[in-house]
Amino acid sequence: MKPWIAAIHAYVPGRSTGADGRELIKLSANENPLGTSPAALVARATGKAPDRYPDPDSVQLRTAIGALHGIDPARIVCGTGSDELLNLAAQAFAGPGDEVVHVRYGFAVYEIAGRRCGAEVVVAPDRDFGTDVDALLACVTPATRVIFVANPNNPTGTFLPGGEIARLHAALRPDILLVLDQAYAEYLSPADDDGALALAATHANVLVTRTFSKIYGLAGERIGWATGAPALVDALNRIRGPFNVTGTGQAAAVAALADQDFVRHSREHNRAERSRFVAAIGALGNHGLLAVPSEANFVLVRFTGALTTAAALAGLAERGYAVRHLPGQGLPDALRITIGSAADMAAIADGLRQMAEAAR
């Protein structure tokens, strides 16, 4: 094994069962609690037969993405989730002797992507659990080749406004690839656009990635896409897997894109339930529970009082819920909780209140 591969800590997915193997309501992977667009389910069920390879270039899907977002389909590449594309970006532009930079409390795949290609991974300090542009720029050296920024950020939910994204890009050398991971972009209000797609359309060193796993409710199909300058798309096409998006996945994603009513409904549900849940956590501030401001479909709850993270994690599991504990990402005293149904969020908030009061 190559030493840089041996240094990788494998990705740990969110749990869906308790310590005793009991199935739990899964609020640990940021999946859509409303499920999937009915139109997408129909398209998935009636898609291309499994004995035939899918379209290797995802032509219909790229055309549909381009039509929705005003992007030339030739500047779009599809992948096995956005995870594949994040890994390919590092592989195409960094290697041994180079540096890949991401912010502390960033998506775990960035660390894996950087180490997988033999690059040195540099972690920039955060600001209030979010991206600090000046801290990122201070980490740039002559060896820097790729910078990963998730916006909104996972696992903290923080958001960097468009002016800060533009300031970061303007300060970078043209030979540094800025990868803007927008897995949760559809949960933002259209007024909160961070300008990433516009940067990717007009600059040669910006790649934007998105996914169908979150608001579109197609996590099980593993579909992502990226857009950038033709040379960037060409680089990813050279090394991506052939036939990397299934036929059923392509059909479902095309139908999901056409059902923007489902997307709007999912966004509105998330905003309403997230607001209620954050307010409920805010009422427990005197018990040491704090919610990090989030623009995504989850909330990072910190435990700074008598109720410990371990006790809260176990207590929620006893009540039937799986949430995400991320000590491996430097967050031992916090839980990331996906926004679920109204009933689930009320039950979790009430459970945390009961545990916090009992721990005093």
Protein backbone atom coordinates (compact mmCIF):
# COMPACT_ATOMS: atom_id res chain seq x y z
CA MET A 1 0.00 0.00 0.00
CA LYS A 2 1.22 3.48 -0.82
CA PRO A 3 2.04 5.41 2.37
CA TRP A 4 -0.39 8.20 1.53
CA ILE A 5 -3.17 5.63 1.13
CA ALA A 6 -2.26 4.02 4.44
CA ALA A 7 -2.66 7.45 6.07
CA ILE A 8 -6.32 7.71 5.01
CA HIS A 9 -9.05 7.18 7.58
CA ALA A 10 -11.93 5.57 5.70
CA TYR A 11 -15.16 7.53 5.42
CA VAL A 12 -17.64 6.61 8.16
CA PRO A 13 -21.29 6.94 7.06
CA GLY A 14 -24.12 7.98 9.34
CA ARG A 15 -25.63 5.13 11.34
CA SER A 16 -29.17 3.86 10.91
CA THR A 17 -29.21 1.33 13.74
CA GLY A 18 -28.62 1.42 17.48
CA ALA A 19 -25.84 -0.35 19.35
CA ASP A 20 -28.17 -3.33 19.72
CA GLY A 21 -28.86 -3.51 15.99
CA ARG A 22 -32.34 -2.01 16.32
CA GLU A 23 -33.47 0.00 13.28
CA LEU A 24 -33.71 3.72 14.06
CA ILE A 25 -35.28 6.70 12.32
CA LYS A 26 -32.27 7.88 10.33
CA LEU A 27 -31.46 11.55 10.80
CA SER A 28 -27.72 11.05 10.39
CA ALA A 29 -27.15 11.40 6.63
CA ASN A 30 -29.02 14.56 5.59
CA GLU A 31 -31.50 12.70 3.43
CA ASN A 32 -34.79 14.30 2.37
CA PRO A 33 -37.52 13.40 4.91
CA LEU A 34 -40.14 13.95 2.20
CA GLY A 35 -38.63 11.19 0.09
CA THR A 36 -38.43 11.51 -3.68
CA SER A 37 -40.50 13.25 -6.33
CA PRO A 38 -43.28 10.87 -7.48
CA ALA A 39 -42.35 11.70 -11.06
CA ALA A 40 -38.78 10.62 -10.40
CA LEU A 41 -39.95 7.34 -8.89
CA VAL A 42 -42.05 6.59 -11.97
CA ALA A 43 -39.15 7.40 -14.29
CA ARG A 44 -36.81 5.24 -12.23
CA ALA A 45 -39.17 2.29 -12.39
CA THR A 46 -39.64 2.58 -16.15
CA GLY A 47 -36.04 3.39 -17.07
CA LYS A 48 -33.63 1.48 -19.26
CA ALA A 49 -33.46 -2.28 -18.70
CA PRO A 50 -30.59 -3.40 -16.43
CA ASP A 51 -29.11 -5.70 -19.10
CA ARG A 52 -28.00 -2.66 -21.11
CA TYR A 53 -25.26 -0.18 -20.24
CA PRO A 54 -26.44 3.35 -19.46
CA ASP A 55 -25.58 6.33 -21.64
CA PRO A 56 -21.88 6.82 -20.80
CA ASP A 57 -22.14 10.59 -21.31
CA SER A 58 -25.46 11.21 -19.50
CA VAL A 59 -26.54 13.36 -22.44
CA GLN A 60 -30.22 13.78 -21.52
CA LEU A 61 -29.34 14.49 -17.90
CA ARG A 62 -26.69 17.06 -18.78
CA THR A 63 -29.14 18.70 -21.19
CA ALA A 64 -31.80 18.92 -18.46
CA ILE A 65 -29.31 20.33 -15.92
CA GLY A 66 -28.14 22.88 -18.47
CA ALA A 67 -31.69 23.96 -19.29
CA LEU A 68 -32.57 24.49 -15.63
CA HIS A 69 -29.42 26.41 -14.71
CA GLY A 70 -28.58 28.14 -18.00
CA ILE A 71 -25.36 26.17 -18.55
CA ASP A 72 -23.99 24.78 -21.80
CA PRO A 73 -24.31 20.97 -21.37
CA ALA A 74 -20.80 20.62 -22.80
CA ARG A 75 -19.58 22.31 -19.61
CA ILE A 76 -21.23 19.70 -17.37
CA VAL A 77 -19.90 16.32 -16.25
CA CYS A 78 -21.92 13.80 -14.26
CA GLY A 79 -20.57 11.49 -11.59
CA THR A 80 -21.35 8.77 -9.08
CA GLY A 81 -22.58 11.31 -6.60
CA SER A 82 -20.61 14.51 -6.20
CA ASP A 83 -18.14 12.45 -4.15
CA GLU A 84 -16.64 10.96 -7.31
CA LEU A 85 -16.22 14.40 -8.83
CA LEU A 86 -14.55 15.84 -5.70
CA ASN A 87 -12.05 13.00 -5.76
CA LEU A 88 -11.44 13.44 -9.48
CA ALA A 89 -10.78 17.16 -9.05
CA ALA A 90 -7.97 16.47 -6.62
CA GLN A 91 -6.64 13.58 -8.72
CA ALA A 92 -6.57 15.66 -11.90
CA PHE A 93 -4.79 18.68 -10.47
CA ALA A 94 -2.77 17.57 -7.43
CA GLY A 95 -0.30 14.86 -6.55
CA PRO A 96 2.81 14.15 -4.48
CA GLY A 97 4.55 17.40 -3.56
CA ASP A 98 1.37 19.45 -3.98
CA GLU A 99 -1.04 20.77 -1.34
CA VAL A 100 -4.81 20.53 -1.07
CA VAL A 101 -6.48 22.98 1.33
CA HIS A 102 -9.83 22.81 3.09
CA VAL A 103 -11.36 24.49 6.10
CA ARG A 104 -11.49 22.89 9.53
CA TYR A 105 -14.85 21.16 10.05
CA GLY A 106 -15.12 20.65 6.31
CA PHE A 107 -16.61 17.63 4.49
CA ALA A 108 -14.67 14.45 5.34
CA VAL A 109 -14.24 13.54 1.65
CA TYR A 110 -11.86 16.49 1.09
CA GLU A 111 -9.24 14.93 3.35
CA ILE A 112 -9.63 11.58 1.59
CA ALA A 113 -9.51 13.16 -1.88
CA GLY A 114 -6.30 15.02 -1.10
CA ARG A 115 -4.51 12.06 0.46
CA ARG A 116 -5.76 9.65 -2.18
CA CYS A 117 -3.71 11.41 -4.86
CA GLY A 118 -0.63 11.69 -2.63
CA ALA A 119 -0.94 15.42 -1.93
CA GLU A 120 -0.34 17.06 1.44
CA VAL A 121 -3.62 18.13 3.06
CA VAL A 122 -3.62 21.54 4.76
CA VAL A 123 -6.45 22.46 7.13
CA ALA A 124 -7.27 26.15 7.51
CA PRO A 125 -8.63 27.49 10.83
CA ASP A 126 -12.37 28.11 10.93
CA ARG A 127 -14.31 31.17 12.04
CA ASP A 128 -17.29 30.29 14.24
CA PHE A 129 -17.43 26.80 12.69
CA GLY A 130 -17.49 28.25 9.18
CA THR A 131 -15.17 29.22 6.36
CA ASP A 132 -12.71 32.04 7.05
CA VAL A 133 -11.49 33.47 3.74
CA ASP A 134 -8.44 35.16 5.26
CA ALA A 135 -7.44 31.96 7.07
CA LEU A 136 -7.73 30.01 3.81
CA LEU A 137 -5.62 32.55 1.94
CA ALA A 138 -3.00 32.46 4.69
CA CYS A 139 -2.60 28.73 4.02
CA VAL A 140 -1.83 29.20 0.32
CA THR A 141 1.76 28.42 -0.66
CA PRO A 142 3.55 27.86 -3.96
CA ALA A 143 2.60 24.17 -3.57
CA THR A 144 -1.15 24.81 -3.32
CA ARG A 145 -3.09 23.29 -6.19
CA VAL A 146 -6.68 22.72 -4.99
CA ILE A 147 -8.92 24.45 -2.42
CA PHE A 148 -12.20 22.85 -1.34
CA VAL A 149 -15.02 25.00 0.03
CA ALA A 150 -18.49 23.67 0.84
CA ASN A 151 -21.21 26.31 0.83
CA PRO A 152 -23.37 25.75 2.85
CA ASN A 153 -20.76 23.88 4.82
CA ASN A 154 -21.09 20.28 5.92
CA PRO A 155 -21.14 19.32 8.80
CA THR A 156 -21.71 22.74 10.38
CA GLY A 157 -24.34 24.31 8.08
CA THR A 158 -22.61 27.69 7.98
CA PHE A 159 -22.84 29.86 4.86
CA LEU A 160 -20.38 32.18 3.13
CA PRO A 161 -22.03 35.04 1.17
CA GLY A 162 -21.23 35.64 -2.46
CA GLY A 163 -19.00 38.61 -1.79
CA GLU A 164 -16.68 36.47 0.32
CA ILE A 165 -16.59 33.69 -2.29
CA ALA A 166 -15.67 36.28 -4.94
CA ARG A 167 -12.99 37.76 -2.65
CA LEU A 168 -11.46 34.33 -2.09
CA HIS A 169 -11.34 33.55 -5.79
CA ALA A 170 -9.92 36.97 -6.74
CA ALA A 171 -6.98 36.43 -4.39
CA LEU A 172 -5.99 33.03 -5.81
CA ARG A 173 -3.36 32.33 -8.44
CA PRO A 174 -4.87 31.13 -11.74
CA ASP A 175 -3.14 27.75 -11.34
CA ILE A 176 -5.08 26.99 -8.13
CA LEU A 177 -8.36 25.15 -8.64
CA LEU A 178 -11.19 26.43 -6.41
CA VAL A 179 -13.76 23.68 -5.92
CA LEU A 180 -17.08 25.02 -4.62
CA ASP A 181 -19.14 22.15 -3.24
CA GLN A 182 -22.83 23.11 -3.41
CA ALA A 183 -24.42 19.88 -2.19
CA TYR A 184 -26.94 21.90 -0.15
CA ALA A 185 -27.40 24.87 -2.49
CA GLU A 186 -31.03 24.04 -3.29
CA TYR A 187 -31.93 24.60 0.36
CA LEU A 188 -30.97 28.26 0.05
CA SER A 189 -33.39 30.99 -0.89
CA PRO A 190 -32.75 32.08 -4.51
CA ALA A 191 -31.85 35.50 -3.06
CA ASP A 192 -28.92 33.90 -1.23
CA ASP A 193 -27.10 32.71 -4.35
CA ASP A 194 -23.37 32.75 -3.61
CA GLY A 195 -22.37 33.36 -7.23
CA ALA A 196 -20.51 30.07 -7.61
CA LEU A 197 -22.13 29.06 -10.90
CA ALA A 198 -21.39 32.50 -12.36
CA LEU A 199 -17.74 32.19 -11.32
CA ALA A 200 -17.53 28.75 -12.91
CA ALA A 201 -19.00 30.16 -16.12
CA THR A 202 -16.46 32.95 -16.42
CA HIS A 203 -13.20 31.68 -14.92
CA ALA A 204 -10.91 28.82 -15.87
CA ASN A 205 -10.07 27.74 -12.32
CA VAL A 206 -13.49 27.31 -10.66
CA LEU A 207 -15.33 24.00 -10.48
CA VAL A 208 -18.79 23.76 -8.90
CA THR A 209 -20.19 20.42 -7.76
CA ARG A 210 -23.78 19.53 -6.92
CA THR A 211 -25.70 16.39 -6.03
CA PHE A 212 -29.11 14.75 -6.39
CA SER A 213 -28.66 13.04 -3.02
CA LYS A 214 -30.08 15.81 -0.84
CA ILE A 215 -33.11 17.91 -1.79
CA TYR A 216 -33.90 15.72 -4.82
CA GLY A 217 -34.14 12.62 -2.62
CA LEU A 218 -32.05 10.36 -4.87
CA ALA A 219 -29.25 9.44 -2.46
CA GLY A 220 -29.58 5.76 -3.28
CA GLU A 221 -28.96 6.33 -6.98
CA ARG A 222 -25.63 8.16 -6.47
CA ILE A 223 -25.85 11.02 -8.97
CA GLY A 224 -23.83 14.21 -8.96
CA TRP A 225 -22.69 16.80 -11.45
CA ALA A 226 -20.02 19.44 -11.87
CA THR A 227 -19.56 22.45 -14.10
CA GLY A 228 -16.60 24.58 -15.03
CA ALA A 229 -14.42 25.64 -17.92
CA PRO A 230 -14.16 23.19 -20.83
CA ALA A 231 -10.62 22.23 -19.83
CA LEU A 232 -11.79 21.30 -16.31
CA VAL A 233 -14.69 19.22 -17.61
CA ASP A 234 -12.33 17.54 -20.08
CA ALA A 235 -9.93 16.64 -17.28
CA LEU A 236 -12.67 14.98 -15.21
CA ASN A 237 -14.08 13.16 -18.24
CA ARG A 238 -10.65 11.65 -18.90
CA ILE A 239 -10.51 9.91 -15.54
CA ARG A 240 -14.11 9.36 -14.41
CA GLY A 241 -15.55 5.88 -14.43
CA PRO A 242 -17.14 4.76 -17.69
CA PHE A 243 -20.92 4.34 -17.41
CA ASN A 244 -20.63 5.99 -14.00
CA VAL A 245 -24.31 6.99 -13.66
CA THR A 246 -26.88 4.21 -13.88
CA GLY A 247 -29.66 4.26 -16.44
CA THR A 248 -32.34 4.33 -13.75
CA GLY A 249 -30.46 7.10 -12.00
CA GLN A 250 -30.25 9.21 -15.14
CA ALA A 251 -33.97 8.77 -15.85
CA ALA A 252 -34.95 9.59 -12.26
CA ALA A 253 -32.72 12.67 -12.15
CA VAL A 254 -34.16 14.07 -15.39
CA ALA A 255 -37.68 13.68 -14.00
CA ALA A 256 -36.64 15.14 -10.63
CA LEU A 257 -35.29 18.26 -12.32
CA ALA A 258 -38.64 18.76 -14.04
CA ASP A 259 -40.51 18.61 -10.72
CA GLN A 260 -39.41 21.89 -9.16
CA ASP A 261 -42.63 22.00 -7.12
CA PHE A 262 -41.25 19.10 -5.09
CA VAL A 263 -37.97 20.97 -4.65
CA ARG A 264 -39.76 24.11 -3.46
CA HIS A 265 -41.93 22.11 -1.07
CA SER A 266 -38.84 20.38 0.34
CA ARG A 267 -37.07 23.73 0.79
CA GLU A 268 -40.07 25.30 2.53
CA HIS A 269 -40.53 22.29 4.82
CA ASN A 270 -36.85 22.37 5.73
CA ARG A 271 -36.84 26.10 6.45
CA ALA A 272 -39.93 25.91 8.67
CA GLU A 273 -38.87 22.85 10.67
CA ARG A 274 -35.28 24.02 10.99
CA SER A 275 -36.47 27.35 12.37
CA ARG A 276 -38.70 25.64 14.94
CA PHE A 277 -35.96 23.24 15.97
CA VAL A 278 -33.33 25.98 16.34
CA ALA A 279 -35.76 27.95 18.49
CA ALA A 280 -36.31 24.89 20.68
CA ILE A 281 -32.56 24.42 21.10
CA GLY A 282 -32.19 28.12 21.83
CA ALA A 283 -34.60 27.71 24.73
CA LEU A 284 -32.14 25.18 26.20
CA GLY A 285 -29.21 27.58 26.17
CA ASN A 286 -29.20 27.74 29.94
CA HIS A 287 -28.59 23.98 29.89
CA GLY A 288 -25.54 24.38 27.66
CA LEU A 289 -27.12 23.40 24.32
CA LEU A 290 -26.17 25.64 21.39
CA ALA A 291 -27.20 25.45 17.73
CA VAL A 292 -24.70 26.57 15.10
CA PRO A 293 -26.54 28.82 12.57
CA SER A 294 -27.41 26.64 9.57
CA GLU A 295 -28.51 27.21 5.98
CA ALA A 296 -28.57 23.49 5.17
CA ASN A 297 -30.98 20.63 5.97
CA PHE A 298 -29.37 19.85 9.29
CA VAL A 299 -28.36 21.59 12.51
CA LEU A 300 -25.14 21.08 14.46
CA VAL A 301 -26.02 21.08 18.15
CA ARG A 302 -23.21 21.65 20.64
CA PHE A 303 -23.28 20.31 24.21
CA THR A 304 -21.39 22.55 26.62
CA GLY A 305 -23.24 21.84 29.89
CA ALA A 306 -24.08 18.91 32.13
CA LEU A 307 -25.70 16.90 29.32
CA THR A 308 -22.82 15.28 27.46
CA THR A 309 -22.75 14.45 23.77
CA ALA A 310 -22.44 10.74 24.51
CA ALA A 311 -25.48 10.83 26.80
CA ALA A 312 -27.52 12.79 24.25
CA LEU A 313 -26.52 10.41 21.45
CA ALA A 314 -27.50 7.37 23.53
CA GLY A 315 -30.69 9.01 24.78
CA LEU A 316 -31.86 9.86 21.26
CA ALA A 317 -31.11 6.30 20.16
CA GLU A 318 -33.25 5.00 23.03
CA ARG A 319 -36.02 7.24 21.73
CA GLY A 320 -35.63 5.72 18.26
CA TYR A 321 -33.38 8.25 16.46
CA ALA A 322 -30.00 7.97 14.76
CA VAL A 323 -28.08 11.27 14.53
CA ARG A 324 -24.46 11.96 13.61
CA HIS A 325 -21.57 12.20 16.05
CA LEU A 326 -18.38 13.46 14.39
CA PRO A 327 -15.42 13.22 16.77
CA GLY A 328 -13.21 12.23 13.83
CA GLN A 329 -13.83 15.66 12.32
CA GLY A 330 -12.89 17.52 15.48
CA LEU A 331 -16.43 17.81 16.81
CA PRO A 332 -16.54 15.50 19.85
CA ASP A 333 -18.95 17.76 21.71
CA ALA A 334 -21.58 18.15 19.00
CA LEU A 335 -24.25 16.20 17.14
CA ARG A 336 -25.34 16.87 13.57
CA ILE A 337 -29.09 16.35 13.34
CA THR A 338 -30.85 16.14 9.97
CA ILE A 339 -34.12 18.03 9.70
CA GLY A 340 -36.83 15.37 9.55
CA SER A 341 -40.59 15.45 9.79
CA ALA A 342 -42.36 17.91 12.08
CA ALA A 343 -43.19 15.09 14.50
CA ASP A 344 -39.62 13.81 14.55
CA MET A 345 -38.11 17.23 15.19
CA ALA A 346 -40.58 17.92 17.99
CA ALA A 347 -39.77 14.55 19.56
CA ILE A 348 -36.02 15.15 19.37
CA ALA A 349 -36.31 18.66 20.82
CA ASP A 350 -38.48 17.35 23.66
CA GLY A 351 -36.10 14.47 24.27
CA LEU A 352 -33.12 16.78 24.50
CA ARG A 353 -35.05 19.04 26.88
CA GLN A 354 -35.89 16.12 29.16
CA MET A 355 -32.30 14.87 29.16
CA ALA A 356 -30.85 18.34 29.74
CA GLU A 357 -33.18 18.97 32.69
CA ALA A 358 -32.38 15.57 34.21
CA ALA A 359 -28.63 16.17 33.87
CA ARG A 360 -28.61 19.40 35.91
